[in-house]
Amino acid sequence: MTFNFNLFSSDGSRRITNQINQNKVLLHYSKRSCRGIGPEYDLWIFTDGKVLYEEVYESEHGKEIMGVLSREEIYDLTILLKKDLDSSEHVKNVRGFPVTILKFKGRELEYHASIIDGALKTVDNKIEYLLGKLQMGIPALL
């Protein structure tokens, strides 16, 4: 699989211009800032364990990190994504809270991570944990 993405248009906003084989994507996790404060990023996790993280900060291209998850991490995520993840009460816009978008298996959930609970909170915490390891360069992810 080749990671050949152009995720940023000339005005700094995100736009995927190359096709991603959706059959190979386990999930797409995205954070959007509130009123442009703080970083925005996309995290793609593929079924073969490959990971792509790209960040934009104040409309400028930021970090790009690639890594690989272990089979156990992919298995754990797959099991978590089979749970009943309902975010219907968390999708209304709340000022001051960044918006999280989680896409998997044809579903798209939009929520505020700081006010969710249950299975969705468990999935969000797991993804944030893996993201933290990736950002710190933990060897298990590289």
Foldseek 3Di string as FASTA:
>chain_A
DDPDFDQQDPQLHGDTDDDDPQVFWAKKKWKAFFPLPDKTKIWTATLQFKIWIWIGHSSHTDDIFIWGADPVLSVVLVVLVPDDDDCVVFADDDHPFIWMWMDGPRDIDIGGLVPDDDSNVVNVVSVVVVVVCRVVVPVNTD
